[in-house]
Amino acid sequence: MAADSSSNLRIIVQRNPSESQLSELGIKSWPKWGCSPGKYQLKFDAEETCYLLRGKVKVLPKGSLATDAVEFGAGDLVVIPKGLSCTWDVSVAVDKHYKFDSPPPPPPP
């Protein structure tokens, strides 16, 4: 039975991860990104892990129902799957550390 590919793209939200987990991940060395309130259409070409320093976001995966929206905010560690197309509805300006999983190297010729 084939599953709809977008249904496998789940956003994982971990609320208030421990300081030891954050330092183990090296979050403070990750680049920072921020945006002001608004709606943004985004497509993730690589898996992203991010830690929100501030802000509040509701993410609605493309083609899903409003009830499928995922909310997260300051203090949350979030993993966004590769291939996800979604709308970010930012109600409070976001400031976050982020890291993209590097894609695997191309196969040898």
PDB file of N, CA and C in Angstrom:
ATOM      1  N   MET A   1       0.851  -1.185   0.000  1.00  0.00           N
ATOM      2  CA  MET A   1       0.000   0.000   0.000  1.00  0.00           C
ATOM      3  C   MET A   1       0.892   1.242   0.000  1.00  0.00           C
ATOM      4  N   ALA A   2       0.740   2.058  -1.009  1.00  0.00           N
ATOM      5  CA  ALA A   2       1.569   3.258  -1.117  1.00  0.00           C
ATOM      6  C   ALA A   2       0.978   4.368  -0.261  1.00  0.00           C
ATOM      7  N   ALA A   3       1.844   5.004   0.505  1.00  0.00           N
ATOM      8  CA  ALA A   3       1.376   6.121   1.332  1.00  0.00           C
ATOM      9  C   ALA A   3       1.627   7.419   0.581  1.00  0.00           C
ATOM     10  N   ASP A   4       0.782   8.399   0.819  1.00  0.00           N
ATOM     11  CA  ASP A   4       0.982   9.722   0.246  1.00  0.00           C
ATOM     12  C   ASP A   4       2.291  10.262   0.813  1.00  0.00           C
ATOM     13  N   SER A   5       3.195  10.679  -0.055  1.00  0.00           N
ATOM     14  CA  SER A   5       4.525  11.066   0.425  1.00  0.00           C
ATOM     15  C   SER A   5       4.459  12.202   1.445  1.00  0.00           C
ATOM     16  N   SER A   6       3.519  13.142   1.286  1.00  0.00           N
ATOM     17  CA  SER A   6       3.488  14.273   2.208  1.00  0.00           C
ATOM     18  C   SER A   6       3.020  13.856   3.600  1.00  0.00           C
ATOM     19  N   SER A   7       2.289  12.737   3.691  1.00  0.00           N
ATOM     20  CA  SER A   7       1.804  12.325   5.008  1.00  0.00           C
ATOM     21  C   SER A   7       2.943  11.794   5.880  1.00  0.00           C
ATOM     22  N   ASN A   8       4.065  11.447   5.256  1.00  0.00           N
ATOM     23  CA  ASN A   8       5.204  10.955   6.026  1.00  0.00           C
ATOM     24  C   ASN A   8       6.097  12.089   6.512  1.00  0.00           C
ATOM     25  N   LEU A   9       5.806  13.309   6.063  1.00  0.00           N
ATOM     26  CA  LEU A   9       6.650  14.447   6.415  1.00  0.00           C
ATOM     27  C   LEU A   9       6.106  15.097   7.689  1.00  0.00           C
ATOM     28  N   ARG A  10       6.539  14.569   8.809  1.00  0.00           N
ATOM     29  CA  ARG A  10       6.035  15.069  10.086  1.00  0.00           C
ATOM     30  C   ARG A  10       7.045  16.003  10.742  1.00  0.00           C
ATOM     31  N   ILE A  11       6.524  17.106  11.255  1.00  0.00           N
ATOM     32  CA  ILE A  11       7.352  18.040  12.014  1.00  0.00           C
ATOM     33  C   ILE A  11       7.405  17.523  13.447  1.00  0.00           C
ATOM     34  N   ILE A  12       8.613  17.422  13.984  1.00  0.00           N
ATOM     35  CA  ILE A  12       8.785  16.929  15.354  1.00  0.00           C
ATOM     36  C   ILE A  12       9.134  18.126  16.241  1.00  0.00           C
ATOM     37  N   VAL A  13       8.350  18.312  17.297  1.00  0.00           N
ATOM     38  CA  VAL A  13       8.586  19.433  18.218  1.00  0.00           C
ATOM     39  C   VAL A  13       8.924  18.860  19.590  1.00  0.00           C
ATOM     40  N   GLN A  14      10.077  19.258  20.109  1.00  0.00           N
ATOM     41  CA  GLN A  14      10.461  18.874  21.469  1.00  0.00           C
ATOM     42  C   GLN A  14      10.424  20.133  22.320  1.00  0.00           C
ATOM     43  N   ARG A  15       9.537  20.164  23.295  1.00  0.00           N
ATOM     44  CA  ARG A  15       9.387  21.341  24.154  1.00  0.00           C
ATOM     45  C   ARG A  15      10.466  21.361  25.236  1.00  0.00           C
ATOM     46  N   ASN A  16      11.071  22.523  25.405  1.00  0.00           N
ATOM     47  CA  ASN A  16      12.051  22.746  26.475  1.00  0.00           C
ATOM     48  C   ASN A  16      13.098  21.649  26.635  1.00  0.00           C
ATOM     49  N   PRO A  17      13.920  21.434  25.593  1.00  0.00           N
ATOM     50  CA  PRO A  17      15.013  20.450  25.746  1.00  0.00           C
ATOM     51  C   PRO A  17      15.991  20.912  26.828  1.00  0.00           C
ATOM     52  N   SER A  18      16.706  19.975  27.419  1.00  0.00           N
ATOM     53  CA  SER A  18      17.640  20.292  28.503  1.00  0.00           C
ATOM     54  C   SER A  18      18.854  21.061  27.968  1.00  0.00           C
ATOM     55  N   GLU A  19      19.466  21.824  28.867  1.00  0.00           N
ATOM     56  CA  GLU A  19      20.690  22.564  28.502  1.00  0.00           C
ATOM     57  C   GLU A  19      21.770  21.600  28.018  1.00  0.00           C
ATOM     58  N   SER A  20      21.866  20.422  28.665  1.00  0.00           N
ATOM     59  CA  SER A  20      22.909  19.471  28.263  1.00  0.00           C
ATOM     60  C   SER A  20      22.654  18.967  26.841  1.00  0.00           C
ATOM     61  N   GLN A  21      21.377  18.756  26.492  1.00  0.00           N
ATOM     62  CA  GLN A  21      21.072  18.318  25.129  1.00  0.00           C
ATOM     63  C   GLN A  21      21.423  19.417  24.129  1.00  0.00           C
ATOM     64  N   LEU A  22      21.096  20.661  24.474  1.00  0.00           N
ATOM     65  CA  LEU A  22      21.392  21.776  23.577  1.00  0.00           C
ATOM     66  C   LEU A  22      22.896  21.934  23.369  1.00  0.00           C
ATOM     67  N   SER A  23      23.678  21.792  24.446  1.00  0.00           N
ATOM     68  CA  SER A  23      25.128  21.955  24.283  1.00  0.00           C
ATOM     69  C   SER A  23      25.723  20.756  23.539  1.00  0.00           C
ATOM     70  N   GLU A  24      25.134  19.575  23.735  1.00  0.00           N
ATOM     71  CA  GLU A  24      25.590  18.388  23.000  1.00  0.00           C
ATOM     72  C   GLU A  24      25.395  18.579  21.494  1.00  0.00           C
ATOM     73  N   LEU A  25      24.288  19.198  21.124  1.00  0.00           N
ATOM     74  CA  LEU A  25      24.006  19.463  19.711  1.00  0.00           C
ATOM     75  C   LEU A  25      24.862  20.620  19.172  1.00  0.00           C
ATOM     76  N   GLY A  26      25.425  21.415  20.072  1.00  0.00           N
ATOM     77  CA  GLY A  26      26.248  22.551  19.645  1.00  0.00           C
ATOM     78  C   GLY A  26      25.424  23.701  19.080  1.00  0.00           C
ATOM     79  N   ILE A  27      24.219  23.863  19.601  1.00  0.00           N
ATOM     80  CA  ILE A  27      23.276  24.831  19.035  1.00  0.00           C
ATOM     81  C   ILE A  27      23.816  26.262  18.985  1.00  0.00           C
ATOM     82  N   LYS A  28      24.572  26.663  20.016  1.00  0.00           N
ATOM     83  CA  LYS A  28      25.060  28.052  20.040  1.00  0.00           C
ATOM     84  C   LYS A  28      26.017  28.359  18.895  1.00  0.00           C
ATOM     85  N   SER A  29      26.582  27.301  18.273  1.00  0.00           N
ATOM     86  CA  SER A  29      27.500  27.526  17.149  1.00  0.00           C
ATOM     87  C   SER A  29      26.769  27.530  15.803  1.00  0.00           C
ATOM     88  N   TRP A  30      25.473  27.185  15.811  1.00  0.00           N
ATOM     89  CA  TRP A  30      24.707  27.172  14.557  1.00  0.00           C
ATOM     90  C   TRP A  30      24.411  28.596  14.110  1.00  0.00           C
ATOM     91  N   PRO A  31      24.215  28.794  12.801  1.00  0.00           N
ATOM     92  CA  PRO A  31      23.840  30.125  12.320  1.00  0.00           C
ATOM     93  C   PRO A  31      22.489  30.546  12.890  1.00  0.00           C
ATOM     94  N   LYS A  32      22.238  31.854  12.845  1.00  0.00           N
ATOM     95  CA  LYS A  32      20.960  32.369  13.325  1.00  0.00           C
ATOM     96  C   LYS A  32      20.141  32.895  12.157  1.00  0.00           C
ATOM     97  N   TRP A  33      18.835  32.862  12.324  1.00  0.00           N
ATOM     98  CA  TRP A  33      17.913  33.374  11.311  1.00  0.00           C
ATOM     99  C   TRP A  33      16.723  33.962  12.046  1.00  0.00           C
ATOM    100  N   GLY A  34      16.161  35.013  11.488  1.00  0.00           N
ATOM    101  CA  GLY A  34      14.988  35.603  12.102  1.00  0.00           C
ATOM    102  C   GLY A  34      14.050  36.142  11.042  1.00  0.00           C
ATOM    103  N   CYS A  35      12.801  36.342  11.426  1.00  0.00           N
ATOM    104  CA  CYS A  35      11.836  36.953  10.515  1.00  0.00           C
ATOM    105  C   CYS A  35      10.780  37.679  11.337  1.00  0.00           C
ATOM    106  N   SER A  36      10.141  38.633  10.695  1.00  0.00           N
ATOM    107  CA  SER A  36       9.089  39.385  11.357  1.00  0.00           C
ATOM    108  C   SER A  36       7.750  38.664  11.161  1.00  0.00           C
ATOM    109  N   PRO A  37       6.722  39.065  11.909  1.00  0.00           N
ATOM    110  CA  PRO A  37       5.417  38.419  11.748  1.00  0.00           C
ATOM    111  C   PRO A  37       4.920  38.502  10.306  1.00  0.00           C
ATOM    112  N   GLY A  38       4.223  37.462   9.862  1.00  0.00           N
ATOM    113  CA  GLY A  38       3.697  37.416   8.508  1.00  0.00           C
ATOM    114  C   GLY A  38       3.516  35.969   8.087  1.00  0.00           C
ATOM    115  N   LYS A  39       3.129  35.784   6.826  1.00  0.00           N
ATOM    116  CA  LYS A  39       2.965  34.423   6.286  1.00  0.00           C
ATOM    117  C   LYS A  39       4.021  34.193   5.220  1.00  0.00           C
ATOM    118  N   TYR A  40       4.673  33.051   5.296  1.00  0.00           N
ATOM    119  CA  TYR A  40       5.769  32.727   4.397  1.00  0.00           C
ATOM    120  C   TYR A  40       5.538  31.345   3.790  1.00  0.00           C
ATOM    121  N   GLN A  41       5.704  31.227   2.480  1.00  0.00           N
ATOM    122  CA  GLN A  41       5.641  29.929   1.798  1.00  0.00           C
ATOM    123  C   GLN A  41       7.066  29.381   1.765  1.00  0.00           C
ATOM    124  N   LEU A  42       7.272  28.211   2.347  1.00  0.00           N
ATOM    125  CA  LEU A  42       8.614  27.642   2.419  1.00  0.00           C
ATOM    126  C   LEU A  42       8.627  26.205   1.914  1.00  0.00           C
ATOM    127  N   LYS A  43       9.759  25.835   1.303  1.00  0.00           N
ATOM    128  CA  LYS A  43       9.974  24.435   0.922  1.00  0.00           C
ATOM    129  C   LYS A  43      11.345  24.038   1.457  1.00  0.00           C
ATOM    130  N   PHE A  44      11.388  22.918   2.147  1.00  0.00           N
ATOM    131  CA  PHE A  44      12.634  22.472   2.765  1.00  0.00           C
ATOM    132  C   PHE A  44      13.290  21.427   1.883  1.00  0.00           C
ATOM    133  N   ASP A  45      14.451  21.782   1.315  1.00  0.00           N
ATOM    134  CA  ASP A  45      15.184  20.872   0.426  1.00  0.00           C
ATOM    135  C   ASP A  45      16.129  19.969   1.205  1.00  0.00           C
ATOM    136  N   ALA A  46      16.247  20.220   2.505  1.00  0.00           N
ATOM    137  CA  ALA A  46      17.051  19.375   3.391  1.00  0.00           C
ATOM    138  C   ALA A  46      16.361  19.393   4.752  1.00  0.00           C
ATOM    139  N   GLU A  47      16.609  18.358   5.537  1.00  0.00           N
ATOM    140  CA  GLU A  47      16.040  18.343   6.880  1.00  0.00           C
ATOM    141  C   GLU A  47      16.656  19.471   7.690  1.00  0.00           C
ATOM    142  N   GLU A  48      15.815  20.219   8.394  1.00  0.00           N
ATOM    143  CA  GLU A  48      16.315  21.311   9.238  1.00  0.00           C
ATOM    144  C   GLU A  48      15.986  21.025  10.688  1.00  0.00           C
ATOM    145  N   THR A  49      16.983  21.224  11.547  1.00  0.00           N
ATOM    146  CA  THR A  49      16.762  21.210  12.990  1.00  0.00           C
ATOM    147  C   THR A  49      16.947  22.647  13.450  1.00  0.00           C
ATOM    148  N   CYS A  50      15.986  23.162  14.222  1.00  0.00           N
ATOM    149  CA  CYS A  50      16.121  24.537  14.696  1.00  0.00           C
ATOM    150  C   CYS A  50      15.686  24.641  16.151  1.00  0.00           C
ATOM    151  N   TYR A  51      16.242  25.642  16.809  1.00  0.00           N
ATOM    152  CA  TYR A  51      15.913  25.925  18.204  1.00  0.00           C
ATOM    153  C   TYR A  51      15.473  27.377  18.268  1.00  0.00           C
ATOM    154  N   LEU A  52      14.227  27.596  18.692  1.00  0.00           N
ATOM    155  CA  LEU A  52      13.683  28.950  18.719  1.00  0.00           C
ATOM    156  C   LEU A  52      14.079  29.674  19.995  1.00  0.00           C
ATOM    157  N   LEU A  53      14.768  30.795  19.819  1.00  0.00           N
ATOM    158  CA  LEU A  53      15.141  31.639  20.948  1.00  0.00           C
ATOM    159  C   LEU A  53      13.945  32.503  21.337  1.00  0.00           C
ATOM    160  N   ARG A  54      13.196  32.932  20.314  1.00  0.00           N
ATOM    161  CA  ARG A  54      11.963  33.669  20.566  1.00  0.00           C
ATOM    162  C   ARG A  54      11.041  33.499  19.370  1.00  0.00           C
ATOM    163  N   GLY A  55       9.790  33.828  19.572  1.00  0.00           N
ATOM    164  CA  GLY A  55       8.843  33.772  18.480  1.00  0.00           C
ATOM    165  C   GLY A  55       7.734  32.772  18.699  1.00  0.00           C
ATOM    166  N   LYS A  56       6.775  32.812  17.778  1.00  0.00           N
ATOM    167  CA  LYS A  56       5.653  31.872  17.797  1.00  0.00           C
ATOM    168  C   LYS A  56       5.228  31.636  16.361  1.00  0.00           C
ATOM    169  N   VAL A  57       5.130  30.353  15.980  1.00  0.00           N
ATOM    170  CA  VAL A  57       4.869  29.976  14.591  1.00  0.00           C
ATOM    171  C   VAL A  57       3.790  28.902  14.542  1.00  0.00           C
ATOM    172  N   LYS A  58       2.939  29.005  13.530  1.00  0.00           N
ATOM    173  CA  LYS A  58       2.017  27.912  13.211  1.00  0.00           C
ATOM    174  C   LYS A  58       2.371  27.496  11.795  1.00  0.00           C
ATOM    175  N   VAL A  59       2.712  26.211  11.612  1.00  0.00           N
ATOM    176  CA  VAL A  59       3.119  25.707  10.302  1.00  0.00           C
ATOM    177  C   VAL A  59       2.007  24.818   9.751  1.00  0.00           C
ATOM    178  N   LEU A  60       1.590  25.132   8.527  1.00  0.00           N
ATOM    179  CA  LEU A  60       0.566  24.330   7.872  1.00  0.00           C
ATOM    180  C   LEU A  60       1.177  23.669   6.641  1.00  0.00           C
ATOM    181  N   PRO A  61       1.360  22.339   6.695  1.00  0.00           N
ATOM    182  CA  PRO A  61       1.893  21.648   5.513  1.00  0.00           C
ATOM    183  C   PRO A  61       0.959  21.840   4.321  1.00  0.00           C
ATOM    184  N   LYS A  62       1.552  21.993   3.140  1.00  0.00           N
ATOM    185  CA  LYS A  62       0.790  22.220   1.918  1.00  0.00           C
ATOM    186  C   LYS A  62      -0.194  21.067   1.686  1.00  0.00           C
ATOM    187  N   GLY A  63      -1.425  21.424   1.344  1.00  0.00           N
ATOM    188  CA  GLY A  63      -2.420  20.416   1.022  1.00  0.00           C
ATOM    189  C   GLY A  63      -3.046  19.732   2.227  1.00  0.00           C
ATOM    190  N   SER A  64      -2.755  20.228   3.436  1.00  0.00           N
ATOM    191  CA  SER A  64      -3.342  19.591   4.619  1.00  0.00           C
ATOM    192  C   SER A  64      -4.438  20.488   5.200  1.00  0.00           C
ATOM    193  N   LEU A  65      -5.172  19.950   6.137  1.00  0.00           N
ATOM    194  CA  LEU A  65      -6.254  20.689   6.775  1.00  0.00           C
ATOM    195  C   LEU A  65      -5.699  21.620   7.849  1.00  0.00           C
ATOM    196  N   ALA A  66      -6.467  22.671   8.147  1.00  0.00           N
ATOM    197  CA  ALA A  66      -6.039  23.618   9.184  1.00  0.00           C
ATOM    198  C   ALA A  66      -5.814  22.905  10.516  1.00  0.00           C
ATOM    199  N   THR A  67      -6.549  21.827  10.750  1.00  0.00           N
ATOM    200  CA  THR A  67      -6.398  21.076  12.005  1.00  0.00           C
ATOM    201  C   THR A  67      -5.064  20.340  12.076  1.00  0.00           C
ATOM    202  N   ASP A  68      -4.371  20.215  10.929  1.00  0.00           N
ATOM    203  CA  ASP A  68      -3.070  19.545  10.900  1.00  0.00           C
ATOM    204  C   ASP A  68      -1.910  20.501  11.177  1.00  0.00           C
ATOM    205  N   ALA A  69      -2.218  21.771  11.424  1.00  0.00           N
ATOM    206  CA  ALA A  69      -1.162  22.757  11.669  1.00  0.00           C
ATOM    207  C   ALA A  69      -0.370  22.372  12.920  1.00  0.00           C
ATOM    208  N   VAL A  70       0.930  22.661  12.887  1.00  0.00           N
ATOM    209  CA  VAL A  70       1.816  22.380  14.016  1.00  0.00           C
ATOM    210  C   VAL A  70       2.274  23.724  14.570  1.00  0.00           C
ATOM    211  N   GLU A  71       2.127  23.907  15.878  1.00  0.00           N
ATOM    212  CA  GLU A  71       2.544  25.162  16.506  1.00  0.00           C
ATOM    213  C   GLU A  71       3.769  24.936  17.372  1.00  0.00           C
ATOM    214  N   PHE A  72       4.675  25.922  17.332  1.00  0.00           N
ATOM    215  CA  PHE A  72       5.834  25.878  18.211  1.00  0.00           C
ATOM    216  C   PHE A  72       6.313  27.301  18.450  1.00  0.00           C
ATOM    217  N   GLY A  73       7.199  27.444  19.444  1.00  0.00           N
ATOM    218  CA  GLY A  73       7.660  28.786  19.792  1.00  0.00           C
ATOM    219  C   GLY A  73       8.939  28.750  20.594  1.00  0.00           C
ATOM    220  N   ALA A  74       9.213  29.864  21.265  1.00  0.00           N
ATOM    221  CA  ALA A  74      10.453  30.035  22.020  1.00  0.00           C
ATOM    222  C   ALA A  74      10.679  28.847  22.955  1.00  0.00           C
ATOM    223  N   GLY A  75      11.924  28.327  22.931  1.00  0.00           N
ATOM    224  CA  GLY A  75      12.296  27.217  23.800  1.00  0.00           C
ATOM    225  C   GLY A  75      12.062  25.850  23.193  1.00  0.00           C
ATOM    226  N   ASP A  76      11.509  25.799  21.966  1.00  0.00           N
ATOM    227  CA  ASP A  76      11.237  24.517  21.331  1.00  0.00           C
ATOM    228  C   ASP A  76      12.356  24.135  20.364  1.00  0.00           C
ATOM    229  N   LEU A  77      12.675  22.843  20.356  1.00  0.00           N
ATOM    230  CA  LEU A  77      13.613  22.262  19.406  1.00  0.00           C
ATOM    231  C   LEU A  77      12.762  21.548  18.362  1.00  0.00           C
ATOM    232  N   VAL A  78      12.931  21.933  17.100  1.00  0.00           N
ATOM    233  CA  VAL A  78      12.028  21.485  16.045  1.00  0.00           C
ATOM    234  C   VAL A  78      12.824  20.825  14.916  1.00  0.00           C
ATOM    235  N   VAL A  79      12.320  19.687  14.415  1.00  0.00           N
ATOM    236  CA  VAL A  79      12.916  19.028  13.252  1.00  0.00           C
ATOM    237  C   VAL A  79      11.887  19.085  12.127  1.00  0.00           C
ATOM    238  N   ILE A  80      12.286  19.706  11.020  1.00  0.00           N
ATOM    239  CA  ILE A  80      11.417  19.851   9.853  1.00  0.00           C
ATOM    240  C   ILE A  80      11.954  18.929   8.769  1.00  0.00           C
ATOM    241  N   PRO A  81      11.100  18.025   8.263  1.00  0.00           N
ATOM    242  CA  PRO A  81      11.596  17.020   7.318  1.00  0.00           C
ATOM    243  C   PRO A  81      11.926  17.580   5.942  1.00  0.00           C
ATOM    244  N   LYS A  82      12.892  16.935   5.302  1.00  0.00           N
ATOM    245  CA  LYS A  82      13.253  17.263   3.919  1.00  0.00           C
ATOM    246  C   LYS A  82      12.039  17.023   3.027  1.00  0.00           C
ATOM    247  N   GLY A  83      11.817  17.959   2.098  1.00  0.00           N
ATOM    248  CA  GLY A  83      10.739  17.799   1.133  1.00  0.00           C
ATOM    249  C   GLY A  83       9.432  18.439   1.540  1.00  0.00           C
ATOM    250  N   LEU A  84       9.371  19.008   2.760  1.00  0.00           N
ATOM    251  CA  LEU A  84       8.130  19.609   3.222  1.00  0.00           C
ATOM    252  C   LEU A  84       7.902  20.968   2.566  1.00  0.00           C
ATOM    253  N   SER A  85       6.717  21.140   1.965  1.00  0.00           N
ATOM    254  CA  SER A  85       6.267  22.448   1.504  1.00  0.00           C
ATOM    255  C   SER A  85       5.210  22.900   2.489  1.00  0.00           C
ATOM    256  N   CYS A  86       5.308  24.137   2.952  1.00  0.00           N
ATOM    257  CA  CYS A  86       4.389  24.560   3.998  1.00  0.00           C
ATOM    258  C   CYS A  86       4.262  26.079   4.029  1.00  0.00           C
ATOM    259  N   THR A  87       3.293  26.535   4.818  1.00  0.00           N
ATOM    260  CA  THR A  87       3.135  27.955   5.094  1.00  0.00           C
ATOM    261  C   THR A  87       3.499  28.177   6.552  1.00  0.00           C
ATOM    262  N   TRP A  88       4.403  29.118   6.791  1.00  0.00           N
ATOM    263  CA  TRP A  88       4.724  29.530   8.154  1.00  0.00           C
ATOM    264  C   TRP A  88       3.888  30.759   8.453  1.00  0.00           C
ATOM    265  N   ASP A  89       3.037  30.663   9.457  1.00  0.00           N
ATOM    266  CA  ASP A  89       2.239  31.797   9.913  1.00  0.00           C
ATOM    267  C   ASP A  89       2.888  32.263  11.217  1.00  0.00           C
ATOM    268  N   VAL A  90       3.679  33.326  11.099  1.00  0.00           N
ATOM    269  CA  VAL A  90       4.472  33.816  12.234  1.00  0.00           C
ATOM    270  C   VAL A  90       3.677  34.908  12.948  1.00  0.00           C
ATOM    271  N   SER A  91       3.267  34.633  14.201  1.00  0.00           N
ATOM    272  CA  SER A  91       2.487  35.623  14.951  1.00  0.00           C
ATOM    273  C   SER A  91       3.369  36.491  15.845  1.00  0.00           C
ATOM    274  N   VAL A  92       4.524  35.936  16.265  1.00  0.00           N
ATOM    275  CA  VAL A  92       5.497  36.695  17.053  1.00  0.00           C
ATOM    276  C   VAL A  92       6.843  36.528  16.354  1.00  0.00           C
ATOM    277  N   ALA A  93       7.550  37.636  16.112  1.00  0.00           N
ATOM    278  CA  ALA A  93       8.823  37.603  15.371  1.00  0.00           C
ATOM    279  C   ALA A  93       9.724  36.471  15.863  1.00  0.00           C
ATOM    280  N   VAL A  94      10.329  35.771  14.899  1.00  0.00           N
ATOM    281  CA  VAL A  94      11.139  34.592  15.193  1.00  0.00           C
ATOM    282  C   VAL A  94      12.628  34.939  15.190  1.00  0.00           C
ATOM    283  N   ASP A  95      13.334  34.355  16.145  1.00  0.00           N
ATOM    284  CA  ASP A  95      14.793  34.401  16.201  1.00  0.00           C
ATOM    285  C   ASP A  95      15.202  32.970  16.547  1.00  0.00           C
ATOM    286  N   LYS A  96      15.986  32.324  15.674  1.00  0.00           N
ATOM    287  CA  LYS A  96      16.298  30.911  15.907  1.00  0.00           C
ATOM    288  C   LYS A  96      17.710  30.579  15.458  1.00  0.00           C
ATOM    289  N   HIS A  97      18.237  29.511  16.058  1.00  0.00           N
ATOM    290  CA  HIS A  97      19.449  28.858  15.555  1.00  0.00           C
ATOM    291  C   HIS A  97      18.968  27.727  14.661  1.00  0.00           C
ATOM    292  N   TYR A  98      19.687  27.446  13.582  1.00  0.00           N
ATOM    293  CA  TYR A  98      19.256  26.381  12.682  1.00  0.00           C
ATOM    294  C   TYR A  98      20.445  25.644  12.094  1.00  0.00           C
ATOM    295  N   LYS A  99      20.146  24.418  11.640  1.00  0.00           N
ATOM    296  CA  LYS A  99      21.170  23.599  10.997  1.00  0.00           C
ATOM    297  C   LYS A  99      20.473  22.711   9.975  1.00  0.00           C
ATOM    298  N   PHE A 100      21.025  22.662   8.775  1.00  0.00           N
ATOM    299  CA  PHE A 100      20.507  21.755   7.753  1.00  0.00           C
ATOM    300  C   PHE A 100      21.359  20.504   7.731  1.00  0.00           C
ATOM    301  N   ASP A 101      20.707  19.355   7.603  1.00  0.00           N
ATOM    302  CA  ASP A 101      21.461  18.125   7.385  1.00  0.00           C
ATOM    303  C   ASP A 101      22.109  18.234   6.024  1.00  0.00           C
ATOM    304  N   SER A 102      23.391  17.936   5.947  1.00  0.00           N
ATOM    305  CA  SER A 102      24.030  18.024   4.644  1.00  0.00           C
ATOM    306  C   SER A 102      23.558  16.857   3.790  1.00  0.00           C
ATOM    307  N   PRO A 103      23.264  17.128   2.532  1.00  0.00           N
ATOM    308  CA  PRO A 103      22.816  16.037   1.660  1.00  0.00           C
ATOM    309  C   PRO A 103      23.934  15.029   1.466  1.00  0.00           C
ATOM    310  N   PRO A 104      23.582  13.785   1.183  1.00  0.00           N
ATOM    311  CA  PRO A 104      24.629  12.778   0.961  1.00  0.00           C
ATOM    312  C   PRO A 104      25.422  13.135  -0.300  1.00  0.00           C
ATOM    313  N   PRO A 105      26.686  12.741  -0.354  1.00  0.00           N
ATOM    314  CA  PRO A 105      27.488  13.058  -1.551  1.00  0.00           C
ATOM    315  C   PRO A 105      26.928  12.319  -2.763  1.00  0.00           C
ATOM    316  N   PRO A 106      27.111  12.896  -3.947  1.00  0.00           N
ATOM    317  CA  PRO A 106      26.609  12.220  -5.152  1.00  0.00           C
ATOM    318  C   PRO A 106      27.358  10.905  -5.358  1.00  0.00           C
ATOM    319  N   PRO A 107      26.713   9.927  -5.983  1.00  0.00           N
ATOM    320  CA  PRO A 107      27.410   8.662  -6.242  1.00  0.00           C
ATOM    321  C   PRO A 107      28.569   8.877  -7.214  1.00  0.00           C
ATOM    322  N   PRO A 108      29.596   8.073  -7.111  1.00  0.00           N
ATOM    323  CA  PRO A 108      30.738   8.241  -8.027  1.00  0.00           C
ATOM    324  C   PRO A 108      30.303   7.956  -9.470  1.00  0.00           C
ATOM    325  N   PRO A 109      30.955   8.596 -10.429  1.00  0.00           N
ATOM    326  CA  PRO A 109      30.559   8.411 -11.851  1.00  0.00           C
ATOM    327  C   PRO A 109      30.835   6.996 -12.338  1.00  0.00           C
TER     328      PRO A 109
END
